[in-house]
Amino acid sequence: MRALAEFVMKDRRRAIIAVLLLGLLPMVNLLSPAIIGLIMLRKGWNETLAVLIWALLPMAAYAYIGDVIPLMLLLGVMLLAAVLRATQSWELSLLGAMLFGLSVEAYLIMAPQLLDMLFQQLDAYMAANSIEGLPIEELRATLTSFLGATYGMLAGLLLILARWMQAALYNPGGFRQEFHNLRISNKVALLLVGAILASSFGVLPSNWIVYSTIPLLFAGAALVHGIVAIRQLPGALLAVFYTVMLLPIVMQGVVFLALMDSWYDFRKRLQRES
């Protein structure tokens, strides 16, 4: 990734070549938003827009054949990078990732054909196996929110990749310190808890709970990284952490720890003890 960052930051021509070629390849085109994010973080709007015009071409082609999500992801990561550049606040940027996830859900609701194909196959499977009573509408709503939250997380991860590439080129070691200090303030934590409770009691759609956890999952991961660094624990523990983090109970624990950290600031307490 460092080699890619060095290549695109040499000059505008190389950046344009990179976003054009990478944008054409499925899955690999996820690097295109990261490149745009890197340019935004380092050079600002003018240079970013000059490269974005070319990055939009392959994404527009995907949109033409029915997949608008890559285009949304490109623009979403660019805006998140703009927020991070202007505010230097990961907290605001991750709230932006949460809003991006909600925008993806809104698109999936307004353009239902993407999920219609999936549920047509599900209907055929149910008919072939004589399965009845499955709450299709509830399942569809849950899946829509899950996909929106997944893309919100992905936008946050691509922003992290862009920031890491920036630090690797211009501030070695800076991203590590920045990420280890990532923490949700208690005011924003209260806001997120309020949103979780509103979803739990029907004021907001119940499926929206997943969006409120996006900033907290990133903050919880940063907390674990920070503790491992402060205690000088083996790095292999992080690999184990990310493996078990796929389990729902572990994700809930990470969210809870991030909320507690908003008030108790565990890293500062550990540094005092050290």
Foldseek 3Di string as FASTA:
>chain_A
DLVLLVQCVPDPVSVLVVLQVQLQDPPSNLLNLLSLLLCCLPPNDPSSVVSVVSNVVSLVVVVVVPDNLSVLLSVLLNVLSNCCNVPVAPQVSLLSLLVSLVVQLVVCVVVVPVCVVVVVVVVVVCVVVVNDDDPVVVVVNLVSSVNSLVSSLSSSVSSLSSVVSNCVVPNPPPSLVSQLPRAHALVVLVVLVVVCVCLVVVVDPVSSNSSSLRSQLSLLLSPVSLVCVLVVHDPVVSVVLVVCCVDPVSSVVSSVVRNVCNPVVVSVVSNVVD
